[in-house]
Amino acid sequence: MFKRMSVLVRREGDTRAQFSQGWLRHGRFIADLPGLRGYVQNHVEEEFAPPVAPLLRADGFVELRFDSPEAMALAFTSPAAHAMAADEPHFLGHGSGYALAGDDGLREAQDGNKLIVALGGGNPARVVDEIAALNPLALIRDDVTALIAKPYMAPPQPAQSFLHLHYRDAGAADHAARKIIAITQAGTLKAAIFRVRTVRFV
């Protein structure tokens, strides 16, 4: 299996709630892509800003699974992809795509008890063990192998790794997020931390 992630940013002037509503409606276009094996939307519920500028902006994170990179490429040139692209301007301001080194599957977190941590600008391995010691119920690490540009949009926001951390509830996730800020600001590594709820389509 091959996994791709995207970071989505809402249109200027839209609220996060408006973005989420448009993105949920947009989900049916993604679900129609041929060869799609998994599709999860992660809607940002809360953002935890480090003292310095965060690594990236995000209102949502997409996780897509295909059998292979070639299957993904075929899907994104299909007629279903044309309908998907035509709908994006109704809710999307910017999108950044990422090809990932591995595929540890998809895990849902409907109650907002999941953190997504974007890491870059240093050695992510330095902090992963410290973050794992915060005792999440599950931790998935997605290392970026390539940035995937979206046509007619600015270049992708850079990131080296994404961590997906699941906790028993939103309060535990919030507590962990504040500790992660302290961990990541101790060196040159840049981070962006978000608490999300997921919606699974496929």
C-alpha atoms as a PDB file:
ATOM      1  CA  MET A   1       0.000   0.000   0.000  1.00  0.00           C
ATOM      2  CA  PHE A   2       1.014   3.606  -0.638  1.00  0.00           C
ATOM      3  CA  LYS A   3      -0.059   6.522   1.557  1.00  0.00           C
ATOM      4  CA  ARG A   4      -0.346  10.184   0.651  1.00  0.00           C
ATOM      5  CA  MET A   5      -1.140  13.078   2.964  1.00  0.00           C
ATOM      6  CA  SER A   6      -2.277  16.601   2.207  1.00  0.00           C
ATOM      7  CA  VAL A   7      -2.469  19.691   4.396  1.00  0.00           C
ATOM      8  CA  LEU A   8      -5.419  21.922   3.549  1.00  0.00           C
ATOM      9  CA  VAL A   9      -5.865  25.622   4.335  1.00  0.00           C
ATOM     10  CA  ARG A  10      -9.226  27.370   4.061  1.00  0.00           C
ATOM     11  CA  ARG A  11      -9.965  30.265   1.727  1.00  0.00           C
ATOM     12  CA  GLU A  12      -9.258  33.777   2.939  1.00  0.00           C
ATOM     13  CA  GLY A  13     -12.380  35.157   4.622  1.00  0.00           C
ATOM     14  CA  ASP A  14     -13.870  31.746   5.453  1.00  0.00           C
ATOM     15  CA  THR A  15     -14.223  30.438   8.980  1.00  0.00           C
ATOM     16  CA  ARG A  16     -12.918  27.024   9.950  1.00  0.00           C
ATOM     17  CA  ALA A  17     -16.548  25.880  10.297  1.00  0.00           C
ATOM     18  CA  GLN A  18     -17.311  26.984   6.728  1.00  0.00           C
ATOM     19  CA  PHE A  19     -14.218  25.172   5.501  1.00  0.00           C
ATOM     20  CA  SER A  20     -15.206  21.960   7.302  1.00  0.00           C
ATOM     21  CA  GLN A  21     -18.713  22.080   5.873  1.00  0.00           C
ATOM     22  CA  GLY A  22     -17.392  22.499   2.327  1.00  0.00           C
ATOM     23  CA  TRP A  23     -14.769  19.816   2.823  1.00  0.00           C
ATOM     24  CA  LEU A  24     -17.302  17.286   4.099  1.00  0.00           C
ATOM     25  CA  ARG A  25     -19.388  17.879   0.980  1.00  0.00           C
ATOM     26  CA  HIS A  26     -16.238  17.548  -1.130  1.00  0.00           C
ATOM     27  CA  GLY A  27     -15.579  14.097   0.330  1.00  0.00           C
ATOM     28  CA  ARG A  28     -17.886  12.396  -2.143  1.00  0.00           C
ATOM     29  CA  PHE A  29     -15.663  13.516  -5.038  1.00  0.00           C
ATOM     30  CA  ILE A  30     -12.564  11.997  -3.418  1.00  0.00           C
ATOM     31  CA  ALA A  31     -14.411   8.775  -2.580  1.00  0.00           C
ATOM     32  CA  ASP A  32     -15.129   8.328  -6.309  1.00  0.00           C
ATOM     33  CA  LEU A  33     -11.433   8.178  -7.261  1.00  0.00           C
ATOM     34  CA  PRO A  34     -10.671   4.806  -8.895  1.00  0.00           C
ATOM     35  CA  GLY A  35      -8.377   2.522  -6.932  1.00  0.00           C
ATOM     36  CA  LEU A  36      -8.782   4.419  -3.655  1.00  0.00           C
ATOM     37  CA  ARG A  37      -8.245   2.034  -0.697  1.00  0.00           C
ATOM     38  CA  GLY A  38      -8.640   4.445   2.206  1.00  0.00           C
ATOM     39  CA  TYR A  39      -9.708   8.052   2.760  1.00  0.00           C
ATOM     40  CA  VAL A  40      -9.803   9.944   6.066  1.00  0.00           C
ATOM     41  CA  GLN A  41     -10.415  13.633   6.710  1.00  0.00           C
ATOM     42  CA  ASN A  42      -8.843  15.085   9.871  1.00  0.00           C
ATOM     43  CA  HIS A  43     -10.679  18.311  10.790  1.00  0.00           C
ATOM     44  CA  VAL A  44      -8.698  20.725  12.987  1.00  0.00           C
ATOM     45  CA  GLU A  45     -10.500  21.395  16.266  1.00  0.00           C
ATOM     46  CA  GLU A  46      -7.697  23.201  18.083  1.00  0.00           C
ATOM     47  CA  GLU A  47      -4.261  24.561  17.215  1.00  0.00           C
ATOM     48  CA  PHE A  48      -1.352  24.745  19.651  1.00  0.00           C
ATOM     49  CA  ALA A  49       1.073  27.458  18.622  1.00  0.00           C
ATOM     50  CA  PRO A  50       4.718  27.273  19.696  1.00  0.00           C
ATOM     51  CA  PRO A  51       6.383  30.508  20.867  1.00  0.00           C
ATOM     52  CA  VAL A  52       8.006  30.971  17.447  1.00  0.00           C
ATOM     53  CA  ALA A  53       6.215  30.822  14.095  1.00  0.00           C
ATOM     54  CA  PRO A  54       4.698  27.359  13.541  1.00  0.00           C
ATOM     55  CA  LEU A  55       6.033  25.157  10.775  1.00  0.00           C
ATOM     56  CA  LEU A  56       2.831  25.287   8.743  1.00  0.00           C
ATOM     57  CA  ARG A  57      -0.792  26.408   8.648  1.00  0.00           C
ATOM     58  CA  ALA A  58      -3.597  23.859   8.516  1.00  0.00           C
ATOM     59  CA  ASP A  59      -7.363  23.556   8.746  1.00  0.00           C
ATOM     60  CA  GLY A  60      -7.430  19.912   7.723  1.00  0.00           C
ATOM     61  CA  PHE A  61      -5.258  16.889   6.981  1.00  0.00           C
ATOM     62  CA  VAL A  62      -6.097  14.318   4.301  1.00  0.00           C
ATOM     63  CA  GLU A  63      -4.930  10.695   4.432  1.00  0.00           C
ATOM     64  CA  LEU A  64      -5.272   8.659   1.228  1.00  0.00           C
ATOM     65  CA  ARG A  65      -4.231   5.064   0.516  1.00  0.00           C
ATOM     66  CA  PHE A  66      -3.658   3.427  -2.862  1.00  0.00           C
ATOM     67  CA  ASP A  67      -2.086   0.144  -3.936  1.00  0.00           C
ATOM     68  CA  SER A  68       0.941   1.982  -5.343  1.00  0.00           C
ATOM     69  CA  PRO A  69       2.192   5.422  -6.452  1.00  0.00           C
ATOM     70  CA  GLU A  70       1.251   4.427  -9.999  1.00  0.00           C
ATOM     71  CA  ALA A  71      -2.332   3.699  -8.909  1.00  0.00           C
ATOM     72  CA  MET A  72      -2.486   7.116  -7.277  1.00  0.00           C
ATOM     73  CA  ALA A  73      -1.194   8.802 -10.425  1.00  0.00           C
ATOM     74  CA  LEU A  74      -3.886   7.079 -12.508  1.00  0.00           C
ATOM     75  CA  ALA A  75      -6.574   8.115 -10.035  1.00  0.00           C
ATOM     76  CA  PHE A  76      -5.549  11.770 -10.215  1.00  0.00           C
ATOM     77  CA  THR A  77      -5.818  11.805 -14.017  1.00  0.00           C
ATOM     78  CA  SER A  78      -9.244  10.126 -14.076  1.00  0.00           C
ATOM     79  CA  PRO A  79     -12.576  11.830 -14.878  1.00  0.00           C
ATOM     80  CA  ALA A  80     -13.430  11.646 -11.163  1.00  0.00           C
ATOM     81  CA  ALA A  81     -10.322  13.736 -10.436  1.00  0.00           C
ATOM     82  CA  HIS A  82     -11.535  16.446 -12.815  1.00  0.00           C
ATOM     83  CA  ALA A  83     -14.789  16.747 -10.852  1.00  0.00           C
ATOM     84  CA  MET A  84     -12.766  16.833  -7.621  1.00  0.00           C
ATOM     85  CA  ALA A  85     -10.537  19.641  -8.898  1.00  0.00           C
ATOM     86  CA  ALA A  86     -13.528  21.655 -10.116  1.00  0.00           C
ATOM     87  CA  ASP A  87     -15.048  21.580  -6.630  1.00  0.00           C
ATOM     88  CA  GLU A  88     -11.901  22.605  -4.705  1.00  0.00           C
ATOM     89  CA  PRO A  89     -12.200  26.389  -5.245  1.00  0.00           C
ATOM     90  CA  HIS A  90     -15.512  26.328  -3.331  1.00  0.00           C
ATOM     91  CA  PHE A  91     -13.744  25.684  -0.013  1.00  0.00           C
ATOM     92  CA  LEU A  92      -9.959  25.366  -0.461  1.00  0.00           C
ATOM     93  CA  GLY A  93      -7.449  28.207  -0.308  1.00  0.00           C
ATOM     94  CA  HIS A  94      -4.233  26.166  -0.434  1.00  0.00           C
ATOM     95  CA  GLY A  95      -3.209  22.517  -0.461  1.00  0.00           C
ATOM     96  CA  SER A  96       0.133  20.806   0.150  1.00  0.00           C
ATOM     97  CA  GLY A  97       0.671  17.169  -0.814  1.00  0.00           C
ATOM     98  CA  TYR A  98       3.195  14.711   0.619  1.00  0.00           C
ATOM     99  CA  ALA A  99       4.348  11.262  -0.492  1.00  0.00           C
ATOM    100  CA  LEU A 100       5.204   9.134   2.545  1.00  0.00           C
ATOM    101  CA  ALA A 101       7.901   6.551   3.159  1.00  0.00           C
ATOM    102  CA  GLY A 102       5.609   3.881   4.606  1.00  0.00           C
ATOM    103  CA  ASP A 103       2.017   3.001   5.256  1.00  0.00           C
ATOM    104  CA  ASP A 104       0.955   2.197   8.796  1.00  0.00           C
ATOM    105  CA  GLY A 105      -2.713   2.363   7.895  1.00  0.00           C
ATOM    106  CA  LEU A 106      -5.463   4.740   8.973  1.00  0.00           C
ATOM    107  CA  ARG A 107      -6.943   5.126  12.436  1.00  0.00           C
ATOM    108  CA  GLU A 108     -10.046   7.140  13.262  1.00  0.00           C
ATOM    109  CA  ALA A 109     -10.528   9.602  16.133  1.00  0.00           C
ATOM    110  CA  GLN A 110     -14.079  10.886  15.928  1.00  0.00           C
ATOM    111  CA  ASP A 111     -14.129  12.526  19.353  1.00  0.00           C
ATOM    112  CA  GLY A 112     -11.268  14.959  18.813  1.00  0.00           C
ATOM    113  CA  ASN A 113      -8.774  12.885  20.790  1.00  0.00           C
ATOM    114  CA  LYS A 114      -6.073  12.779  18.104  1.00  0.00           C
ATOM    115  CA  LEU A 115      -3.043  15.038  17.690  1.00  0.00           C
ATOM    116  CA  ILE A 116      -1.237  15.589  14.411  1.00  0.00           C
ATOM    117  CA  VAL A 117       2.260  16.984  14.868  1.00  0.00           C
ATOM    118  CA  ALA A 118       4.139  18.296  11.820  1.00  0.00           C
ATOM    119  CA  LEU A 119       7.923  18.386  12.203  1.00  0.00           C
ATOM    120  CA  GLY A 120      10.651  19.991  10.106  1.00  0.00           C
ATOM    121  CA  GLY A 121      13.856  21.983  10.066  1.00  0.00           C
ATOM    122  CA  GLY A 122      15.910  19.525  12.083  1.00  0.00           C
ATOM    123  CA  ASN A 123      16.157  15.866  13.043  1.00  0.00           C
ATOM    124  CA  PRO A 124      12.653  14.525  13.851  1.00  0.00           C
ATOM    125  CA  ALA A 125      14.143  11.341  15.314  1.00  0.00           C
ATOM    126  CA  ARG A 126      15.501  13.417  18.193  1.00  0.00           C
ATOM    127  CA  VAL A 127      12.057  14.098  19.596  1.00  0.00           C
ATOM    128  CA  VAL A 128      10.014  11.046  18.581  1.00  0.00           C
ATOM    129  CA  ASP A 129      11.106   8.986  21.591  1.00  0.00           C
ATOM    130  CA  GLU A 130      10.323  11.872  23.950  1.00  0.00           C
ATOM    131  CA  ILE A 131       6.885  12.326  22.404  1.00  0.00           C
ATOM    132  CA  ALA A 132       6.237   8.554  22.542  1.00  0.00           C
ATOM    133  CA  ALA A 133       6.952   8.730  26.288  1.00  0.00           C
ATOM    134  CA  LEU A 134       3.803  10.856  26.671  1.00  0.00           C
ATOM    135  CA  ASN A 135       1.904   7.535  26.507  1.00  0.00           C
ATOM    136  CA  PRO A 136      -0.461   7.886  23.564  1.00  0.00           C
ATOM    137  CA  LEU A 137      -2.833   4.993  22.939  1.00  0.00           C
ATOM    138  CA  ALA A 138      -1.273   4.797  19.467  1.00  0.00           C
ATOM    139  CA  LEU A 139       1.486   6.604  17.585  1.00  0.00           C
ATOM    140  CA  ILE A 140       1.887   6.538  13.806  1.00  0.00           C
ATOM    141  CA  ARG A 141       4.902   8.213  12.195  1.00  0.00           C
ATOM    142  CA  ASP A 142       4.703   9.305   8.552  1.00  0.00           C
ATOM    143  CA  ASP A 143       8.051  10.407   7.078  1.00  0.00           C
ATOM    144  CA  VAL A 144       7.863  12.585   3.965  1.00  0.00           C
ATOM    145  CA  THR A 145       9.780  11.426   0.888  1.00  0.00           C
ATOM    146  CA  ALA A 146       8.524  14.047  -1.586  1.00  0.00           C
ATOM    147  CA  LEU A 147       6.403  17.179  -1.790  1.00  0.00           C
ATOM    148  CA  ILE A 148       3.494  17.066  -4.249  1.00  0.00           C
ATOM    149  CA  ALA A 149       2.520  20.437  -5.702  1.00  0.00           C
ATOM    150  CA  LYS A 150      -1.083  21.246  -6.563  1.00  0.00           C
ATOM    151  CA  PRO A 151      -1.592  22.917  -9.942  1.00  0.00           C
ATOM    152  CA  TYR A 152      -2.374  26.647  -9.787  1.00  0.00           C
ATOM    153  CA  MET A 153      -1.424  26.889  -6.101  1.00  0.00           C
ATOM    154  CA  ALA A 154       1.622  28.133  -4.224  1.00  0.00           C
ATOM    155  CA  PRO A 155       4.392  25.577  -3.502  1.00  0.00           C
ATOM    156  CA  PRO A 156       3.701  23.023  -0.750  1.00  0.00           C
ATOM    157  CA  GLN A 157       4.448  23.900   2.842  1.00  0.00           C
ATOM    158  CA  PRO A 158       7.608  22.015   3.879  1.00  0.00           C
ATOM    159  CA  ALA A 159       7.497  19.208   6.442  1.00  0.00           C
ATOM    160  CA  GLN A 160       9.761  16.231   7.152  1.00  0.00           C
ATOM    161  CA  SER A 161       7.471  14.061   9.286  1.00  0.00           C
ATOM    162  CA  PHE A 162       3.933  13.848  10.625  1.00  0.00           C
ATOM    163  CA  LEU A 163       3.124  12.145  13.912  1.00  0.00           C
ATOM    164  CA  HIS A 164      -0.412  10.901  14.620  1.00  0.00           C
ATOM    165  CA  LEU A 165      -1.017  10.480  18.350  1.00  0.00           C
ATOM    166  CA  HIS A 166      -4.234   9.068  19.807  1.00  0.00           C
ATOM    167  CA  TYR A 167      -5.348   9.712  23.392  1.00  0.00           C
ATOM    168  CA  ARG A 168      -8.270   8.561  25.515  1.00  0.00           C
ATOM    169  CA  ASP A 169     -10.056  11.921  25.243  1.00  0.00           C
ATOM    170  CA  ALA A 170      -9.627  15.533  24.120  1.00  0.00           C
ATOM    171  CA  GLY A 171      -8.382  16.643  27.545  1.00  0.00           C
ATOM    172  CA  ALA A 172      -5.533  14.143  27.494  1.00  0.00           C
ATOM    173  CA  ALA A 173      -4.652  15.234  23.955  1.00  0.00           C
ATOM    174  CA  ASP A 174      -4.573  18.898  25.026  1.00  0.00           C
ATOM    175  CA  HIS A 175      -2.288  18.067  27.954  1.00  0.00           C
ATOM    176  CA  ALA A 176       0.092  16.156  25.670  1.00  0.00           C
ATOM    177  CA  ALA A 177       0.115  18.969  23.089  1.00  0.00           C
ATOM    178  CA  ARG A 178       1.426  21.455  25.631  1.00  0.00           C
ATOM    179  CA  LYS A 179       4.223  19.090  26.587  1.00  0.00           C
ATOM    180  CA  ILE A 180       5.089  18.553  22.923  1.00  0.00           C
ATOM    181  CA  ILE A 181       5.533  22.315  22.487  1.00  0.00           C
ATOM    182  CA  ALA A 182       8.185  22.264  25.215  1.00  0.00           C
ATOM    183  CA  ILE A 183       9.891  19.215  23.704  1.00  0.00           C
ATOM    184  CA  THR A 184      10.110  20.637  20.184  1.00  0.00           C
ATOM    185  CA  GLN A 185      11.227  24.139  21.163  1.00  0.00           C
ATOM    186  CA  ALA A 186      14.311  22.755  22.962  1.00  0.00           C
ATOM    187  CA  GLY A 187      16.280  22.548  19.670  1.00  0.00           C
ATOM    188  CA  THR A 188      16.277  23.794  16.092  1.00  0.00           C
ATOM    189  CA  LEU A 189      13.318  21.628  15.100  1.00  0.00           C
ATOM    190  CA  LYS A 190      10.164  23.454  14.011  1.00  0.00           C
ATOM    191  CA  ALA A 191       6.713  22.062  14.761  1.00  0.00           C
ATOM    192  CA  ALA A 192       2.996  22.641  14.298  1.00  0.00           C
ATOM    193  CA  ILE A 193       0.533  20.844  16.574  1.00  0.00           C
ATOM    194  CA  PHE A 194      -3.171  20.295  15.961  1.00  0.00           C
ATOM    195  CA  ARG A 195      -5.964  18.423  17.730  1.00  0.00           C
ATOM    196  CA  VAL A 196      -8.318  16.872  15.178  1.00  0.00           C
ATOM    197  CA  ARG A 197     -11.470  14.823  14.759  1.00  0.00           C
ATOM    198  CA  THR A 198     -11.653  12.392  11.888  1.00  0.00           C
ATOM    199  CA  VAL A 199     -14.273  11.452   9.330  1.00  0.00           C
ATOM    200  CA  ARG A 200     -13.669   8.251   7.360  1.00  0.00           C
ATOM    201  CA  PHE A 201     -15.143   7.945   3.867  1.00  0.00           C
ATOM    202  CA  VAL A 202     -13.378   4.787   2.602  1.00  0.00           C
END
